[in-house]
C-alpha atoms as a PDB file:
ATOM      1  CA  MET A   1     -59.805-115.343 -65.423  1.00  0.00           C
ATOM      2  CA  THR A   2     -56.900-115.453 -63.633  1.00  0.00           C
ATOM      3  CA  ALA A   3     -53.990-112.409 -63.424  1.00  0.00           C
ATOM      4  CA  TYR A   4     -50.331-113.139 -63.244  1.00  0.00           C
ATOM      5  CA  CYS A   5     -50.445-112.276 -59.566  1.00  0.00           C
ATOM      6  CA  GLY A   6     -53.262-114.502 -58.389  1.00  0.00           C
ATOM      7  CA  LEU A   7     -55.995-111.705 -58.475  1.00  0.00           C
ATOM      8  CA  ASP A   8     -59.393-113.062 -60.112  1.00  0.00           C
ATOM      9  CA  CYS A   9     -59.624-110.229 -63.206  1.00  0.00           C
ATOM     10  CA  SER A  10     -63.602-111.280 -63.550  1.00  0.00           C
ATOM     11  CA  ILE A  11     -64.539-110.001 -59.957  1.00  0.00           C
ATOM     12  CA  CYS A  12     -62.095-106.824 -60.118  1.00  0.00           C
ATOM     13  CA  ASP A  13     -63.985-103.692 -59.776  1.00  0.00           C
ATOM     14  CA  ALA A  14     -62.117-102.055 -62.403  1.00  0.00           C
ATOM     15  CA  TYR A  15     -62.905-104.657 -64.935  1.00  0.00           C
ATOM     16  CA  LEU A  16     -66.564-104.798 -64.266  1.00  0.00           C
ATOM     17  CA  ALA A  17     -67.096-101.239 -64.067  1.00  0.00           C
ATOM     18  CA  THR A  18     -65.166-101.274 -67.984  1.00  0.00           C
ATOM     19  CA  GLN A  19     -67.401-103.807 -69.062  1.00  0.00           C
ATOM     20  CA  ALA A  20     -70.362-102.596 -67.953  1.00  0.00           C
ATOM     21  CA  ASP A  21     -69.132 -99.073 -69.376  1.00  0.00           C
ATOM     22  CA  ASP A  22     -70.511 -97.158 -66.424  1.00  0.00           C
ATOM     23  CA  ASP A  23     -69.028 -94.062 -65.717  1.00  0.00           C
ATOM     24  CA  ARG A  24     -71.027 -94.135 -62.373  1.00  0.00           C
ATOM     25  CA  LYS A  25     -69.029 -97.199 -61.550  1.00  0.00           C
ATOM     26  CA  TRP A  26     -65.623 -95.764 -62.834  1.00  0.00           C
ATOM     27  CA  SER A  27     -66.172 -93.040 -60.768  1.00  0.00           C
ATOM     28  CA  GLU A  28     -66.973 -95.301 -57.421  1.00  0.00           C
ATOM     29  CA  VAL A  29     -63.890 -97.410 -57.913  1.00  0.00           C
ATOM     30  CA  ALA A  30     -61.598 -94.357 -58.418  1.00  0.00           C
ATOM     31  CA  LYS A  31     -63.609 -92.895 -55.019  1.00  0.00           C
ATOM     32  CA  LYS A  32     -62.904 -96.409 -53.039  1.00  0.00           C
ATOM     33  CA  TRP A  33     -59.482 -97.285 -54.625  1.00  0.00           C
ATOM     34  CA  SER A  34     -58.200 -93.426 -53.764  1.00  0.00           C
ATOM     35  CA  ALA A  35     -59.103 -93.934 -50.355  1.00  0.00           C
ATOM     36  CA  LEU A  36     -58.266 -97.557 -49.851  1.00  0.00           C
ATOM     37  CA  TYR A  37     -54.092 -97.182 -51.373  1.00  0.00           C
ATOM     38  CA  HIS A  38     -54.000 -93.481 -50.595  1.00  0.00           C
ATOM     39  CA  LYS A  39     -53.278 -91.827 -54.033  1.00  0.00           C
ATOM     40  CA  GLU A  40     -55.759 -89.635 -56.395  1.00  0.00           C
ATOM     41  CA  ILE A  41     -57.089 -92.236 -59.065  1.00  0.00           C
ATOM     42  CA  GLN A  42     -58.974 -90.643 -61.394  1.00  0.00           C
ATOM     43  CA  PRO A  43     -62.496 -92.491 -62.978  1.00  0.00           C
ATOM     44  CA  ASN A  44     -60.422 -92.477 -66.599  1.00  0.00           C
ATOM     45  CA  GLN A  45     -57.576 -94.590 -64.911  1.00  0.00           C
ATOM     46  CA  ILE A  46     -60.266 -97.435 -64.216  1.00  0.00           C
ATOM     47  CA  ASN A  47     -60.826 -99.060 -67.483  1.00  0.00           C
ATOM     48  CA  CYS A  48     -59.511-102.382 -67.710  1.00  0.00           C
ATOM     49  CA  ASP A  49     -60.246-105.634 -69.772  1.00  0.00           C
ATOM     50  CA  GLY A  50     -57.811-108.140 -67.500  1.00  0.00           C
ATOM     51  CA  CYS A  51     -54.435-107.518 -67.495  1.00  0.00           C
ATOM     52  CA  LYS A  52     -53.383-110.408 -69.922  1.00  0.00           C
ATOM     53  CA  SER A  53     -56.137-108.789 -72.003  1.00  0.00           C
ATOM     54  CA  ASN A  54     -54.482-106.879 -75.201  1.00  0.00           C
ATOM     55  CA  GLY A  55     -56.941-104.101 -74.590  1.00  0.00           C
ATOM     56  CA  ARG A  56     -57.200-101.550 -72.357  1.00  0.00           C
ATOM     57  CA  LEU A  57     -55.406-101.590 -68.577  1.00  0.00           C
ATOM     58  CA  PHE A  58     -55.774 -99.986 -65.228  1.00  0.00           C
ATOM     59  CA  PHE A  59     -52.880 -97.767 -65.349  1.00  0.00           C
ATOM     60  CA  HIS A  60     -51.260 -99.230 -62.606  1.00  0.00           C
ATOM     61  CA  CYS A  61     -51.579-102.608 -64.306  1.00  0.00           C
ATOM     62  CA  GLU A  62     -50.078-101.393 -67.434  1.00  0.00           C
ATOM     63  CA  ASN A  63     -47.176 -98.968 -66.214  1.00  0.00           C
ATOM     64  CA  THR A  64     -46.100 -99.887 -62.624  1.00  0.00           C
ATOM     65  CA  CYS A  65     -47.008-103.287 -61.727  1.00  0.00           C
ATOM     66  CA  GLU A  66     -43.996-105.308 -61.366  1.00  0.00           C
ATOM     67  CA  ILE A  67     -45.104-108.820 -61.113  1.00  0.00           C
ATOM     68  CA  ARG A  68     -47.147-108.180 -64.465  1.00  0.00           C
ATOM     69  CA  ARG A  69     -43.858-107.222 -66.065  1.00  0.00           C
ATOM     70  CA  CYS A  70     -41.991-110.083 -64.993  1.00  0.00           C
ATOM     71  CA  CYS A  71     -44.424-112.904 -65.880  1.00  0.00           C
ATOM     72  CA  LYS A  72     -44.708-111.432 -68.988  1.00  0.00           C
ATOM     73  CA  SER A  73     -40.740-110.939 -69.417  1.00  0.00           C
ATOM     74  CA  ARG A  74     -40.627-114.755 -68.276  1.00  0.00           C
ATOM     75  CA  GLY A  75     -43.751-115.862 -70.380  1.00  0.00           C
ATOM     76  CA  ILE A  76     -45.136-117.535 -67.422  1.00  0.00           C
ATOM     77  CA  ASP A  77     -49.185-117.355 -67.079  1.00  0.00           C
ATOM     78  CA  ASN A  78     -48.822-116.381 -63.353  1.00  0.00           C
ATOM     79  CA  CYS A  79     -46.648-116.354 -60.463  1.00  0.00           C
ATOM     80  CA  ALA A  80     -47.618-119.953 -59.277  1.00  0.00           C
ATOM     81  CA  VAL A  81     -45.646-121.429 -61.909  1.00  0.00           C
ATOM     82  CA  CYS A  82     -42.741-119.475 -61.382  1.00  0.00           C
ATOM     83  CA  ASN A  83     -39.147-121.392 -60.276  1.00  0.00           C
ATOM     84  CA  GLU A  84     -38.616-118.378 -57.692  1.00  0.00           C
ATOM     85  CA  TYR A  85     -42.144-118.516 -56.363  1.00  0.00           C
ATOM     86  CA  ALA A  86     -42.829-116.478 -53.643  1.00  0.00           C
ATOM     87  CA  CYS A  87     -40.320-113.715 -54.670  1.00  0.00           C
ATOM     88  CA  ASP A  88     -40.552-110.573 -52.236  1.00  0.00           C
ATOM     89  CA  ALA A  89     -42.602-108.556 -54.896  1.00  0.00           C
ATOM     90  CA  LEU A  90     -45.245-111.104 -54.837  1.00  0.00           C
ATOM     91  CA  ALA A  91     -44.857-111.896 -50.999  1.00  0.00           C
ATOM     92  CA  GLY A  92     -45.220-107.764 -49.924  1.00  0.00           C
ATOM     93  CA  PHE A  93     -48.190-107.990 -52.691  1.00  0.00           C
ATOM     94  CA  ILE A  94     -49.592-110.803 -51.510  1.00  0.00           C
ATOM     95  CA  LYS A  95     -49.785-109.261 -47.577  1.00  0.00           C
ATOM     96  CA  LEU A  96     -52.038-106.551 -49.321  1.00  0.00           C
ATOM     97  CA  ALA A  97     -54.291-109.423 -51.049  1.00  0.00           C
ATOM     98  CA  PRO A  98     -54.289-112.411 -49.420  1.00  0.00           C
ATOM     99  CA  GLU A  99     -56.784-113.911 -51.619  1.00  0.00           C
ATOM    100  CA  ALA A 100     -54.147-113.630 -54.384  1.00  0.00           C
ATOM    101  CA  GLY A 101     -51.788-115.727 -52.241  1.00  0.00           C
ATOM    102  CA  LYS A 102     -54.514-117.881 -51.798  1.00  0.00           C
ATOM    103  CA  ALA A 103     -55.771-118.424 -55.528  1.00  0.00           C
ATOM    104  CA  LEU A 104     -51.790-119.063 -56.258  1.00  0.00           C
ATOM    105  CA  GLU A 105     -51.333-121.760 -53.626  1.00  0.00           C
ATOM    106  CA  LYS A 106     -54.187-123.304 -55.063  1.00  0.00           C
ATOM    107  CA  LEU A 107     -52.557-123.438 -58.677  1.00  0.00           C
ATOM    108  CA  ARG A 108     -49.298-124.825 -57.466  1.00  0.00           C
ATOM    109  CA  GLN A 109     -51.290-128.241 -56.064  1.00  0.00           C
END
């Protein structure tokens, strides 16, 4: 399940915690991500069924992810098919998550 940005939602900690409906896992992810991203993230913000779902979304994906917003506005499945690949927003994200860039490059081939 490839997200707009190239990440694999099916192995994402938030997705896995949500699918398991596990309070302990939500707490662990919130603690891990709070430290990693230097932001206070609460367990109730971790709920996510994948960024392309019509269900629950991680608060960042739903509210502030410019990559998701851009792909949805263009009606494209992911950044790999965008004619402006790789824009500044995506390039910045790939610096944080190089695995996303590798997945998108693979999709572009």
